[in-house]
């Protein structure tokens, strides 16, 4: 049995919050756009990763997920976020820090509570 990817569904009360985090800040592109419908939805993608963003208040209130994005360019990603989107830096992870498990990490938190931990594993 072979799997190629795992694509999460992420729910927002206001989908523009998710678009700001994923598209504007992290550079994902919109692969499918149904944003003007009565139930806004889109598929975002970047570097082989995908996620589905939904505007659905009921589900958004039930779950605020946390994701990890692994990179080999954590300093570049951090510098971009710090310069252009400092308000998205998580208050408890707003600098690149070496963790005991030997990953360098910092975190993003959008206004809805979705958390993205950006990490780079040691050599």
PDB file of N, CA and C in Angstrom:
ATOM      1  N   UNK A   1       0.851  -1.178   0.000  1.00  0.00           N
ATOM      2  CA  UNK A   1       0.000   0.000   0.000  1.00  0.00           C
ATOM      3  C   UNK A   1       0.894   1.237   0.000  1.00  0.00           C
ATOM      4  N   UNK A   2       0.692   2.128  -0.954  1.00  0.00           N
ATOM      5  CA  UNK A   2       1.513   3.341  -1.084  1.00  0.00           C
ATOM      6  C   UNK A   2       0.603   4.556  -1.074  1.00  0.00           C
ATOM      7  N   UNK A   3       0.973   5.530  -0.259  1.00  0.00           N
ATOM      8  CA  UNK A   3       0.269   6.818  -0.215  1.00  0.00           C
ATOM      9  C   UNK A   3       1.227   7.892  -0.691  1.00  0.00           C
ATOM     10  N   UNK A   4       0.698   8.904  -1.354  1.00  0.00           N
ATOM     11  CA  UNK A   4       1.537   9.968  -1.898  1.00  0.00           C
ATOM     12  C   UNK A   4       1.489  11.234  -1.067  1.00  0.00           C
ATOM     13  N   UNK A   5       0.343  11.507  -0.433  1.00  0.00           N
ATOM     14  CA  UNK A   5       0.226  12.744   0.328  1.00  0.00           C
ATOM     15  C   UNK A   5      -0.952  12.635   1.285  1.00  0.00           C
ATOM     16  N   UNK A   6      -0.992  13.499   2.254  1.00  0.00           N
ATOM     17  CA  UNK A   6      -2.107  13.621   3.185  1.00  0.00           C
ATOM     18  C   UNK A   6      -2.588  15.058   3.089  1.00  0.00           C
ATOM     19  N   UNK A   7      -3.845  15.266   2.734  1.00  0.00           N
ATOM     20  CA  UNK A   7      -4.371  16.603   2.487  1.00  0.00           C
ATOM     21  C   UNK A   7      -5.387  16.967   3.572  1.00  0.00           C
ATOM     22  N   UNK A   8      -5.034  17.892   4.456  1.00  0.00           N
ATOM     23  CA  UNK A   8      -5.970  18.247   5.533  1.00  0.00           C
ATOM     24  C   UNK A   8      -7.072  19.193   5.063  1.00  0.00           C
ATOM     25  N   UNK A   9      -8.201  19.131   5.745  1.00  0.00           N
ATOM     26  CA  UNK A   9      -9.270  20.113   5.627  1.00  0.00           C
ATOM     27  C   UNK A   9      -9.129  21.071   6.796  1.00  0.00           C
ATOM     28  N   UNK A  10      -9.109  22.366   6.506  1.00  0.00           N
ATOM     29  CA  UNK A  10      -8.958  23.376   7.550  1.00  0.00           C
ATOM     30  C   UNK A  10     -10.155  24.307   7.462  1.00  0.00           C
ATOM     31  N   UNK A  11     -10.850  24.457   8.573  1.00  0.00           N
ATOM     32  CA  UNK A  11     -12.096  25.212   8.596  1.00  0.00           C
ATOM     33  C   UNK A  11     -11.900  26.568   9.260  1.00  0.00           C
ATOM     34  N   UNK A  12     -12.498  27.578   8.667  1.00  0.00           N
ATOM     35  CA  UNK A  12     -12.422  28.956   9.153  1.00  0.00           C
ATOM     36  C   UNK A  12     -13.818  29.558   9.247  1.00  0.00           C
ATOM     37  N   UNK A  13     -14.013  30.417  10.221  1.00  0.00           N
ATOM     38  CA  UNK A  13     -15.212  31.245  10.265  1.00  0.00           C
ATOM     39  C   UNK A  13     -15.147  32.252   9.129  1.00  0.00           C
ATOM     40  N   UNK A  14     -13.948  32.780   8.866  1.00  0.00           N
ATOM     41  CA  UNK A  14     -13.695  33.716   7.768  1.00  0.00           C
ATOM     42  C   UNK A  14     -12.501  33.179   6.987  1.00  0.00           C
ATOM     43  N   UNK A  15     -12.729  32.643   5.809  1.00  0.00           N
ATOM     44  CA  UNK A  15     -11.682  31.996   5.019  1.00  0.00           C
ATOM     45  C   UNK A  15     -10.543  32.949   4.665  1.00  0.00           C
ATOM     46  N   UNK A  16     -10.799  34.250   4.683  1.00  0.00           N
ATOM     47  CA  UNK A  16      -9.726  35.209   4.361  1.00  0.00           C
ATOM     48  C   UNK A  16      -8.593  35.139   5.387  1.00  0.00           C
ATOM     49  N   UNK A  17      -8.883  34.719   6.606  1.00  0.00           N
ATOM     50  CA  UNK A  17      -7.836  34.541   7.622  1.00  0.00           C
ATOM     51  C   UNK A  17      -6.871  33.437   7.181  1.00  0.00           C
ATOM     52  N   UNK A  18      -7.408  32.342   6.681  1.00  0.00           N
ATOM     53  CA  UNK A  18      -6.572  31.251   6.189  1.00  0.00           C
ATOM     54  C   UNK A  18      -5.805  31.613   4.937  1.00  0.00           C
ATOM     55  N   UNK A  19      -6.440  32.365   4.059  1.00  0.00           N
ATOM     56  CA  UNK A  19      -5.745  32.808   2.839  1.00  0.00           C
ATOM     57  C   UNK A  19      -4.581  33.723   3.178  1.00  0.00           C
ATOM     58  N   UNK A  20      -4.737  34.558   4.174  1.00  0.00           N
ATOM     59  CA  UNK A  20      -3.635  35.441   4.580  1.00  0.00           C
ATOM     60  C   UNK A  20      -2.456  34.626   5.092  1.00  0.00           C
ATOM     61  N   UNK A  21      -2.734  33.613   5.927  1.00  0.00           N
ATOM     62  CA  UNK A  21      -1.670  32.783   6.478  1.00  0.00           C
ATOM     63  C   UNK A  21      -0.995  31.940   5.396  1.00  0.00           C
ATOM     64  N   UNK A  22      -1.775  31.188   4.650  1.00  0.00           N
ATOM     65  CA  UNK A  22      -1.199  30.222   3.712  1.00  0.00           C
ATOM     66  C   UNK A  22      -0.759  30.846   2.390  1.00  0.00           C
ATOM     67  N   UNK A  23      -1.586  31.695   1.791  1.00  0.00           N
ATOM     68  CA  UNK A  23      -1.271  32.250   0.467  1.00  0.00           C
ATOM     69  C   UNK A  23      -0.364  33.469   0.598  1.00  0.00           C
ATOM     70  N   UNK A  24      -0.798  34.465   1.357  1.00  0.00           N
ATOM     71  CA  UNK A  24      -0.015  35.698   1.450  1.00  0.00           C
ATOM     72  C   UNK A  24       1.305  35.475   2.187  1.00  0.00           C
ATOM     73  N   UNK A  25       1.260  34.866   3.366  1.00  0.00           N
ATOM     74  CA  UNK A  25       2.457  34.731   4.195  1.00  0.00           C
ATOM     75  C   UNK A  25       3.371  33.594   3.739  1.00  0.00           C
ATOM     76  N   UNK A  26       2.815  32.399   3.536  1.00  0.00           N
ATOM     77  CA  UNK A  26       3.644  31.229   3.256  1.00  0.00           C
ATOM     78  C   UNK A  26       3.815  30.919   1.770  1.00  0.00           C
ATOM     79  N   UNK A  27       3.149  31.662   0.894  1.00  0.00           N
ATOM     80  CA  UNK A  27       3.387  31.535  -0.533  1.00  0.00           C
ATOM     81  C   UNK A  27       2.691  30.374  -1.221  1.00  0.00           C
ATOM     82  N   UNK A  28       1.668  29.818  -0.597  1.00  0.00           N
ATOM     83  CA  UNK A  28       0.870  28.805  -1.284  1.00  0.00           C
ATOM     84  C   UNK A  28       0.097  29.500  -2.412  1.00  0.00           C
ATOM     85  N   UNK A  29      -0.283  28.729  -3.423  1.00  0.00           N
ATOM     86  CA  UNK A  29      -1.130  29.264  -4.491  1.00  0.00           C
ATOM     87  C   UNK A  29      -2.487  28.577  -4.414  1.00  0.00           C
ATOM     88  N   UNK A  30      -3.471  29.205  -5.011  1.00  0.00           N
ATOM     89  CA  UNK A  30      -4.810  28.638  -5.031  1.00  0.00           C
ATOM     90  C   UNK A  30      -4.923  27.756  -6.272  1.00  0.00           C
ATOM     91  N   UNK A  31      -5.116  26.458  -6.041  1.00  0.00           N
ATOM     92  CA  UNK A  31      -5.222  25.493  -7.133  1.00  0.00           C
ATOM     93  C   UNK A  31      -6.663  25.319  -7.595  1.00  0.00           C
ATOM     94  N   UNK A  32      -7.592  25.519  -6.700  1.00  0.00           N
ATOM     95  CA  UNK A  32      -9.017  25.470  -7.039  1.00  0.00           C
ATOM     96  C   UNK A  32      -9.707  26.555  -6.233  1.00  0.00           C
ATOM     97  N   UNK A  33     -10.564  27.321  -6.880  1.00  0.00           N
ATOM     98  CA  UNK A  33     -11.174  28.507  -6.266  1.00  0.00           C
ATOM     99  C   UNK A  33     -12.696  28.442  -6.367  1.00  0.00           C
ATOM    100  N   UNK A  34     -13.340  28.325  -5.233  1.00  0.00           N
ATOM    101  CA  UNK A  34     -14.792  28.435  -5.134  1.00  0.00           C
ATOM    102  C   UNK A  34     -15.101  29.425  -4.009  1.00  0.00           C
ATOM    103  N   UNK A  35     -14.341  30.509  -3.990  1.00  0.00           N
ATOM    104  CA  UNK A  35     -14.399  31.469  -2.886  1.00  0.00           C
ATOM    105  C   UNK A  35     -15.639  32.358  -2.921  1.00  0.00           C
ATOM    106  N   UNK A  36     -16.264  32.499  -4.072  1.00  0.00           N
ATOM    107  CA  UNK A  36     -17.421  33.384  -4.177  1.00  0.00           C
ATOM    108  C   UNK A  36     -18.752  32.661  -3.986  1.00  0.00           C
ATOM    109  N   UNK A  37     -18.713  31.377  -3.680  1.00  0.00           N
ATOM    110  CA  UNK A  37     -19.955  30.625  -3.481  1.00  0.00           C
ATOM    111  C   UNK A  37     -20.535  30.936  -2.098  1.00  0.00           C
ATOM    112  N   UNK A  38     -21.697  30.412  -1.828  1.00  0.00           N
ATOM    113  CA  UNK A  38     -22.320  30.627  -0.520  1.00  0.00           C
ATOM    114  C   UNK A  38     -21.583  29.859   0.579  1.00  0.00           C
ATOM    115  N   UNK A  39     -20.796  28.860   0.192  1.00  0.00           N
ATOM    116  CA  UNK A  39     -19.950  28.121   1.133  1.00  0.00           C
ATOM    117  C   UNK A  39     -18.519  28.145   0.589  1.00  0.00           C
ATOM    118  N   UNK A  40     -17.789  29.234   0.812  1.00  0.00           N
ATOM    119  CA  UNK A  40     -16.460  29.402   0.226  1.00  0.00           C
ATOM    120  C   UNK A  40     -15.515  28.241   0.547  1.00  0.00           C
ATOM    121  N   UNK A  41     -14.762  27.852  -0.476  1.00  0.00           N
ATOM    122  CA  UNK A  41     -13.849  26.722  -0.401  1.00  0.00           C
ATOM    123  C   UNK A  41     -12.735  26.941  -1.411  1.00  0.00           C
ATOM    124  N   UNK A  42     -11.536  26.465  -1.086  1.00  0.00           N
ATOM    125  CA  UNK A  42     -10.458  26.457  -2.065  1.00  0.00           C
ATOM    126  C   UNK A  42      -9.456  25.378  -1.712  1.00  0.00           C
ATOM    127  N   UNK A  43      -8.691  24.982  -2.709  1.00  0.00           N
ATOM    128  CA  UNK A  43      -7.567  24.077  -2.517  1.00  0.00           C
ATOM    129  C   UNK A  43      -6.318  24.915  -2.720  1.00  0.00           C
ATOM    130  N   UNK A  44      -5.400  24.820  -1.768  1.00  0.00           N
ATOM    131  CA  UNK A  44      -4.131  25.537  -1.879  1.00  0.00           C
ATOM    132  C   UNK A  44      -3.010  24.521  -2.064  1.00  0.00           C
ATOM    133  N   UNK A  45      -1.919  24.969  -2.713  1.00  0.00           N
ATOM    134  CA  UNK A  45      -0.805  24.048  -2.941  1.00  0.00           C
ATOM    135  C   UNK A  45       0.515  24.802  -2.965  1.00  0.00           C
ATOM    136  N   UNK A  46       1.566  24.059  -2.632  1.00  0.00           N
ATOM    137  CA  UNK A  46       2.935  24.586  -2.697  1.00  0.00           C
ATOM    138  C   UNK A  46       3.890  23.407  -2.530  1.00  0.00           C
ATOM    139  N   UNK A  47       4.835  23.287  -3.429  1.00  0.00           N
ATOM    140  CA  UNK A  47       5.913  22.303  -3.300  1.00  0.00           C
ATOM    141  C   UNK A  47       5.414  20.888  -3.032  1.00  0.00           C
ATOM    142  N   UNK A  48       4.333  20.472  -3.676  1.00  0.00           N
ATOM    143  CA  UNK A  48       3.811  19.125  -3.486  1.00  0.00           C
ATOM    144  C   UNK A  48       2.872  18.970  -2.300  1.00  0.00           C
ATOM    145  N   UNK A  49       2.686  20.018  -1.530  1.00  0.00           N
ATOM    146  CA  UNK A  49       1.760  20.002  -0.402  1.00  0.00           C
ATOM    147  C   UNK A  49       0.420  20.568  -0.839  1.00  0.00           C
ATOM    148  N   UNK A  50      -0.664  20.084  -0.245  1.00  0.00           N
ATOM    149  CA  UNK A  50      -1.989  20.611  -0.520  1.00  0.00           C
ATOM    150  C   UNK A  50      -2.787  20.679   0.769  1.00  0.00           C
ATOM    151  N   UNK A  51      -3.752  21.584   0.801  1.00  0.00           N
ATOM    152  CA  UNK A  51      -4.723  21.655   1.891  1.00  0.00           C
ATOM    153  C   UNK A  51      -6.009  22.218   1.315  1.00  0.00           C
ATOM    154  N   UNK A  52      -7.111  21.873   1.941  1.00  0.00           N
ATOM    155  CA  UNK A  52      -8.423  22.394   1.560  1.00  0.00           C
ATOM    156  C   UNK A  52      -8.875  23.363   2.638  1.00  0.00           C
ATOM    157  N   UNK A  53      -9.176  24.583   2.246  1.00  0.00           N
ATOM    158  CA  UNK A  53      -9.674  25.589   3.180  1.00  0.00           C
ATOM    159  C   UNK A  53     -11.166  25.759   2.962  1.00  0.00           C
ATOM    160  N   UNK A  54     -11.914  25.736   4.047  1.00  0.00           N
ATOM    161  CA  UNK A  54     -13.370  25.869   4.005  1.00  0.00           C
ATOM    162  C   UNK A  54     -13.807  27.005   4.912  1.00  0.00           C
ATOM    163  N   UNK A  55     -14.805  27.729   4.506  1.00  0.00           N
ATOM    164  CA  UNK A  55     -15.454  28.682   5.405  1.00  0.00           C
ATOM    165  C   UNK A  55     -16.690  27.979   5.959  1.00  0.00           C
ATOM    166  N   UNK A  56     -16.599  27.574   7.235  1.00  0.00           N
ATOM    167  CA  UNK A  56     -17.676  26.849   7.890  1.00  0.00           C
ATOM    168  C   UNK A  56     -17.565  27.123   9.384  1.00  0.00           C
ATOM    169  N   UNK A  57     -18.395  28.012   9.880  1.00  0.00           N
ATOM    170  CA  UNK A  57     -18.298  28.444  11.272  1.00  0.00           C
ATOM    171  C   UNK A  57     -18.471  27.290  12.251  1.00  0.00           C
ATOM    172  N   UNK A  58     -19.422  26.411  11.996  1.00  0.00           N
ATOM    173  CA  UNK A  58     -19.673  25.301  12.924  1.00  0.00           C
ATOM    174  C   UNK A  58     -18.413  24.458  13.134  1.00  0.00           C
ATOM    175  N   UNK A  59     -17.779  24.032  12.037  1.00  0.00           N
ATOM    176  CA  UNK A  59     -16.590  23.197  12.154  1.00  0.00           C
ATOM    177  C   UNK A  59     -15.379  23.998  12.635  1.00  0.00           C
ATOM    178  N   UNK A  60     -15.300  25.259  12.258  1.00  0.00           N
ATOM    179  CA  UNK A  60     -14.180  26.095  12.697  1.00  0.00           C
ATOM    180  C   UNK A  60     -14.170  26.247  14.216  1.00  0.00           C
ATOM    181  N   UNK A  61     -15.326  26.338  14.810  1.00  0.00           N
ATOM    182  CA  UNK A  61     -15.407  26.492  16.265  1.00  0.00           C
ATOM    183  C   UNK A  61     -15.078  25.198  16.996  1.00  0.00           C
ATOM    184  N   UNK A  62     -15.147  24.075  16.319  1.00  0.00           N
ATOM    185  CA  UNK A  62     -14.896  22.777  16.944  1.00  0.00           C
ATOM    186  C   UNK A  62     -13.422  22.383  16.944  1.00  0.00           C
ATOM    187  N   UNK A  63     -12.635  22.916  16.030  1.00  0.00           N
ATOM    188  CA  UNK A  63     -11.267  22.424  15.886  1.00  0.00           C
ATOM    189  C   UNK A  63     -10.337  23.522  15.401  1.00  0.00           C
ATOM    190  N   UNK A  64      -9.277  23.777  16.122  1.00  0.00           N
ATOM    191  CA  UNK A  64      -8.233  24.704  15.701  1.00  0.00           C
ATOM    192  C   UNK A  64      -6.957  23.885  15.573  1.00  0.00           C
ATOM    193  N   UNK A  65      -6.625  23.452  14.379  1.00  0.00           N
ATOM    194  CA  UNK A  65      -5.526  22.504  14.182  1.00  0.00           C
ATOM    195  C   UNK A  65      -4.141  23.127  14.308  1.00  0.00           C
ATOM    196  N   UNK A  66      -3.187  22.228  14.480  1.00  0.00           N
ATOM    197  CA  UNK A  66      -1.769  22.588  14.512  1.00  0.00           C
ATOM    198  C   UNK A  66      -1.067  21.708  13.485  1.00  0.00           C
ATOM    199  N   UNK A  67      -0.239  22.320  12.647  1.00  0.00           N
ATOM    200  CA  UNK A  67       0.479  21.612  11.601  1.00  0.00           C
ATOM    201  C   UNK A  67       1.964  21.895  11.724  1.00  0.00           C
ATOM    202  N   UNK A  68       2.766  21.013  11.174  1.00  0.00           N
ATOM    203  CA  UNK A  68       4.211  21.222  11.089  1.00  0.00           C
ATOM    204  C   UNK A  68       4.600  21.265   9.618  1.00  0.00           C
ATOM    205  N   UNK A  69       5.363  22.282   9.255  1.00  0.00           N
ATOM    206  CA  UNK A  69       5.933  22.404   7.915  1.00  0.00           C
ATOM    207  C   UNK A  69       7.443  22.251   8.047  1.00  0.00           C
ATOM    208  N   UNK A  70       7.989  21.272   7.373  1.00  0.00           N
ATOM    209  CA  UNK A  70       9.427  21.049   7.417  1.00  0.00           C
ATOM    210  C   UNK A  70      10.085  21.754   6.238  1.00  0.00           C
ATOM    211  N   UNK A  71      11.212  22.387   6.497  1.00  0.00           N
ATOM    212  CA  UNK A  71      11.951  23.121   5.474  1.00  0.00           C
ATOM    213  C   UNK A  71      13.449  22.920   5.675  1.00  0.00           C
ATOM    214  N   UNK A  72      14.204  23.199   4.649  1.00  0.00           N
ATOM    215  CA  UNK A  72      15.666  23.257   4.755  1.00  0.00           C
ATOM    216  C   UNK A  72      16.136  24.706   4.749  1.00  0.00           C
ATOM    217  N   UNK A  73      15.188  25.651   4.806  1.00  0.00           N
ATOM    218  CA  UNK A  73      15.507  27.085   4.715  1.00  0.00           C
ATOM    219  C   UNK A  73      14.803  27.868   5.831  1.00  0.00           C
ATOM    220  N   UNK A  74      14.908  27.395   7.057  1.00  0.00           N
ATOM    221  CA  UNK A  74      14.142  28.004   8.140  1.00  0.00           C
ATOM    222  C   UNK A  74      14.518  29.466   8.368  1.00  0.00           C
ATOM    223  N   UNK A  75      15.781  29.817   8.221  1.00  0.00           N
ATOM    224  CA  UNK A  75      16.183  31.205   8.449  1.00  0.00           C
ATOM    225  C   UNK A  75      15.565  32.137   7.402  1.00  0.00           C
ATOM    226  N   UNK A  76      15.494  31.667   6.160  1.00  0.00           N
ATOM    227  CA  UNK A  76      14.886  32.454   5.088  1.00  0.00           C
ATOM    228  C   UNK A  76      13.377  32.616   5.333  1.00  0.00           C
ATOM    229  N   UNK A  77      12.710  31.533   5.721  1.00  0.00           N
ATOM    230  CA  UNK A  77      11.271  31.595   5.994  1.00  0.00           C
ATOM    231  C   UNK A  77      11.008  32.536   7.166  1.00  0.00           C
ATOM    232  N   UNK A  78      11.797  32.380   8.228  1.00  0.00           N
ATOM    233  CA  UNK A  78      11.621  33.230   9.409  1.00  0.00           C
ATOM    234  C   UNK A  78      11.838  34.709   9.075  1.00  0.00           C
ATOM    235  N   UNK A  79      12.874  35.013   8.322  1.00  0.00           N
ATOM    236  CA  UNK A  79      13.153  36.411   7.962  1.00  0.00           C
ATOM    237  C   UNK A  79      11.990  37.004   7.165  1.00  0.00           C
ATOM    238  N   UNK A  80      11.427  36.230   6.239  1.00  0.00           N
ATOM    239  CA  UNK A  80      10.285  36.686   5.453  1.00  0.00           C
ATOM    240  C   UNK A  80       9.084  36.979   6.360  1.00  0.00           C
ATOM    241  N   UNK A  81       8.765  36.047   7.238  1.00  0.00           N
ATOM    242  CA  UNK A  81       7.613  36.229   8.124  1.00  0.00           C
ATOM    243  C   UNK A  81       7.843  37.405   9.065  1.00  0.00           C
ATOM    244  N   UNK A  82       9.016  37.477   9.652  1.00  0.00           N
ATOM    245  CA  UNK A  82       9.302  38.559  10.610  1.00  0.00           C
ATOM    246  C   UNK A  82       9.205  39.925   9.948  1.00  0.00           C
ATOM    247  N   UNK A  83       9.677  40.034   8.700  1.00  0.00           N
ATOM    248  CA  UNK A  83       9.641  41.324   8.009  1.00  0.00           C
ATOM    249  C   UNK A  83       8.237  41.690   7.521  1.00  0.00           C
ATOM    250  N   UNK A  84       7.513  40.727   6.974  1.00  0.00           N
ATOM    251  CA  UNK A  84       6.250  41.038   6.307  1.00  0.00           C
ATOM    252  C   UNK A  84       4.992  40.694   7.101  1.00  0.00           C
ATOM    253  N   UNK A  85       5.074  39.729   8.025  1.00  0.00           N
ATOM    254  CA  UNK A  85       3.894  39.266   8.772  1.00  0.00           C
ATOM    255  C   UNK A  85       4.233  39.029  10.246  1.00  0.00           C
ATOM    256  N   UNK A  86       4.853  39.983  10.917  1.00  0.00           N
ATOM    257  CA  UNK A  86       5.256  39.755  12.310  1.00  0.00           C
ATOM    258  C   UNK A  86       4.074  39.463  13.231  1.00  0.00           C
ATOM    259  N   UNK A  87       2.890  39.956  12.871  1.00  0.00           N
ATOM    260  CA  UNK A  87       1.708  39.700  13.699  1.00  0.00           C
ATOM    261  C   UNK A  87       1.289  38.234  13.668  1.00  0.00           C
ATOM    262  N   UNK A  88       1.802  37.453  12.712  1.00  0.00           N
ATOM    263  CA  UNK A  88       1.476  36.033  12.650  1.00  0.00           C
ATOM    264  C   UNK A  88       2.442  35.167  13.466  1.00  0.00           C
ATOM    265  N   UNK A  89       3.506  35.744  14.001  1.00  0.00           N
ATOM    266  CA  UNK A  89       4.425  34.966  14.837  1.00  0.00           C
ATOM    267  C   UNK A  89       3.724  34.600  16.145  1.00  0.00           C
ATOM    268  N   UNK A  90       3.801  33.332  16.495  1.00  0.00           N
ATOM    269  CA  UNK A  90       3.168  32.827  17.717  1.00  0.00           C
ATOM    270  C   UNK A  90       3.859  33.444  18.932  1.00  0.00           C
ATOM    271  N   UNK A  91       3.113  33.928  19.922  1.00  0.00           N
ATOM    272  CA  UNK A  91       3.749  34.542  21.085  1.00  0.00           C
ATOM    273  C   UNK A  91       4.659  33.589  21.862  1.00  0.00           C
ATOM    274  N   UNK A  92       4.427  32.280  21.773  1.00  0.00           N
ATOM    275  CA  UNK A  92       5.265  31.308  22.478  1.00  0.00           C
ATOM    276  C   UNK A  92       6.301  30.644  21.571  1.00  0.00           C
ATOM    277  N   UNK A  93       6.442  31.135  20.356  1.00  0.00           N
ATOM    278  CA  UNK A  93       7.414  30.547  19.433  1.00  0.00           C
ATOM    279  C   UNK A  93       7.832  31.528  18.374  1.00  0.00           C
ATOM    280  N   UNK A  94       8.118  32.767  18.800  1.00  0.00           N
ATOM    281  CA  UNK A  94       8.345  33.852  17.845  1.00  0.00           C
ATOM    282  C   UNK A  94       9.802  34.048  17.444  1.00  0.00           C
ATOM    283  N   UNK A  95      10.658  33.111  17.808  1.00  0.00           N
ATOM    284  CA  UNK A  95      12.048  33.118  17.346  1.00  0.00           C
ATOM    285  C   UNK A  95      12.426  31.692  16.953  1.00  0.00           C
ATOM    286  N   UNK A  96      13.446  31.564  16.120  1.00  0.00           N
ATOM    287  CA  UNK A  96      13.930  30.235  15.751  1.00  0.00           C
ATOM    288  C   UNK A  96      14.711  29.694  16.944  1.00  0.00           C
ATOM    289  N   UNK A  97      14.271  28.538  17.422  1.00  0.00           N
ATOM    290  CA  UNK A  97      14.847  27.950  18.635  1.00  0.00           C
ATOM    291  C   UNK A  97      15.195  26.489  18.377  1.00  0.00           C
ATOM    292  N   UNK A  98      16.355  26.067  18.861  1.00  0.00           N
ATOM    293  CA  UNK A  98      16.744  24.665  18.777  1.00  0.00           C
ATOM    294  C   UNK A  98      16.039  23.911  19.898  1.00  0.00           C
ATOM    295  N   UNK A  99      15.257  22.921  19.532  1.00  0.00           N
ATOM    296  CA  UNK A  99      14.492  22.122  20.490  1.00  0.00           C
ATOM    297  C   UNK A  99      15.316  20.913  20.931  1.00  0.00           C
ATOM    298  N   UNK A 100      14.983  20.299  22.083  1.00  0.00           N
ATOM    299  CA  UNK A 100      15.730  19.130  22.562  1.00  0.00           C
ATOM    300  C   UNK A 100      15.750  17.970  21.565  1.00  0.00           C
ATOM    301  N   UNK A 101      14.759  17.881  20.683  1.00  0.00           N
ATOM    302  CA  UNK A 101      14.703  16.806  19.694  1.00  0.00           C
ATOM    303  C   UNK A 101      15.518  17.143  18.449  1.00  0.00           C
ATOM    304  N   UNK A 102      16.332  18.217  18.537  1.00  0.00           N
ATOM    305  CA  UNK A 102      17.291  18.615  17.500  1.00  0.00           C
ATOM    306  C   UNK A 102      16.660  19.186  16.240  1.00  0.00           C
ATOM    307  N   UNK A 103      15.496  19.764  16.377  1.00  0.00           N
ATOM    308  CA  UNK A 103      14.887  20.510  15.279  1.00  0.00           C
ATOM    309  C   UNK A 103      14.896  21.982  15.656  1.00  0.00           C
ATOM    310  N   UNK A 104      15.221  22.833  14.690  1.00  0.00           N
ATOM    311  CA  UNK A 104      15.087  24.278  14.882  1.00  0.00           C
ATOM    312  C   UNK A 104      13.666  24.633  14.473  1.00  0.00           C
ATOM    313  N   UNK A 105      12.965  25.424  15.314  1.00  0.00           N
ATOM    314  CA  UNK A 105      11.551  25.686  15.073  1.00  0.00           C
ATOM    315  C   UNK A 105      11.172  27.119  15.428  1.00  0.00           C
ATOM    316  N   UNK A 106      10.132  27.606  14.747  1.00  0.00           N
ATOM    317  CA  UNK A 106       9.376  28.783  15.176  1.00  0.00           C
ATOM    318  C   UNK A 106       7.939  28.517  14.783  1.00  0.00           C
ATOM    319  N   UNK A 107       7.019  29.333  15.295  1.00  0.00           N
ATOM    320  CA  UNK A 107       5.609  29.036  15.061  1.00  0.00           C
ATOM    321  C   UNK A 107       4.842  30.268  14.608  1.00  0.00           C
ATOM    322  N   UNK A 108       3.782  29.995  13.842  1.00  0.00           N
ATOM    323  CA  UNK A 108       2.843  31.010  13.379  1.00  0.00           C
ATOM    324  C   UNK A 108       1.480  30.708  13.993  1.00  0.00           C
ATOM    325  N   UNK A 109       0.716  31.749  14.256  1.00  0.00           N
ATOM    326  CA  UNK A 109      -0.629  31.596  14.802  1.00  0.00           C
ATOM    327  C   UNK A 109      -1.508  32.646  14.160  1.00  0.00           C
ATOM    328  N   UNK A 110      -2.552  32.191  13.444  1.00  0.00           N
ATOM    329  CA  UNK A 110      -3.439  33.181  12.838  1.00  0.00           C
ATOM    330  C   UNK A 110      -4.513  33.605  13.830  1.00  0.00           C
ATOM    331  N   UNK A 111      -5.306  34.579  13.468  1.00  0.00           N
ATOM    332  CA  UNK A 111      -6.272  35.150  14.408  1.00  0.00           C
ATOM    333  C   UNK A 111      -7.396  34.187  14.771  1.00  0.00           C
ATOM    334  N   UNK A 112      -7.507  33.074  14.045  1.00  0.00           N
ATOM    335  CA  UNK A 112      -8.530  32.083  14.379  1.00  0.00           C
ATOM    336  C   UNK A 112      -7.995  30.980  15.277  1.00  0.00           C
ATOM    337  N   UNK A 113      -6.677  30.942  15.491  1.00  0.00           N
ATOM    338  CA  UNK A 113      -6.074  29.920  16.341  1.00  0.00           C
ATOM    339  C   UNK A 113      -5.421  28.771  15.600  1.00  0.00           C
ATOM    340  N   UNK A 114      -5.356  28.819  14.265  1.00  0.00           N
ATOM    341  CA  UNK A 114      -4.631  27.795  13.514  1.00  0.00           C
ATOM    342  C   UNK A 114      -3.133  28.038  13.706  1.00  0.00           C
ATOM    343  N   UNK A 115      -2.424  26.988  14.078  1.00  0.00           N
ATOM    344  CA  UNK A 115      -0.992  27.096  14.378  1.00  0.00           C
ATOM    345  C   UNK A 115      -0.187  26.313  13.344  1.00  0.00           C
ATOM    346  N   UNK A 116       0.878  26.936  12.850  1.00  0.00           N
ATOM    347  CA  UNK A 116       1.830  26.291  11.951  1.00  0.00           C
ATOM    348  C   UNK A 116       3.194  26.338  12.621  1.00  0.00           C
ATOM    349  N   UNK A 117       3.782  25.186  12.871  1.00  0.00           N
ATOM    350  CA  UNK A 117       5.147  25.127  13.391  1.00  0.00           C
ATOM    351  C   UNK A 117       6.060  24.867  12.199  1.00  0.00           C
ATOM    352  N   UNK A 118       6.978  25.769  11.969  1.00  0.00           N
ATOM    353  CA  UNK A 118       7.958  25.617  10.893  1.00  0.00           C
ATOM    354  C   UNK A 118       9.216  25.035  11.522  1.00  0.00           C
ATOM    355  N   UNK A 119       9.710  23.949  10.935  1.00  0.00           N
ATOM    356  CA  UNK A 119      10.858  23.280  11.548  1.00  0.00           C
ATOM    357  C   UNK A 119      11.882  22.860  10.504  1.00  0.00           C
ATOM    358  N   UNK A 120      13.135  22.808  10.987  1.00  0.00           N
ATOM    359  CA  UNK A 120      14.232  22.291  10.194  1.00  0.00           C
ATOM    360  C   UNK A 120      15.010  21.332  11.081  1.00  0.00           C
ATOM    361  N   UNK A 121      15.138  20.106  10.622  1.00  0.00           N
ATOM    362  CA  UNK A 121      15.837  19.091  11.398  1.00  0.00           C
ATOM    363  C   UNK A 121      17.336  19.264  11.254  1.00  0.00           C
ATOM    364  N   UNK A 122      18.054  18.926  12.314  1.00  0.00           N
ATOM    365  CA  UNK A 122      19.519  19.017  12.319  1.00  0.00           C
ATOM    366  C   UNK A 122      20.126  18.000  11.376  1.00  0.00           C
ATOM    367  N   UNK A 123      21.372  18.224  11.108  1.00  0.00           N
ATOM    368  CA  UNK A 123      22.104  17.346  10.168  1.00  0.00           C
ATOM    369  C   UNK A 123      22.321  15.986  10.781  1.00  0.00           C
TER     370      UNK A 123
END
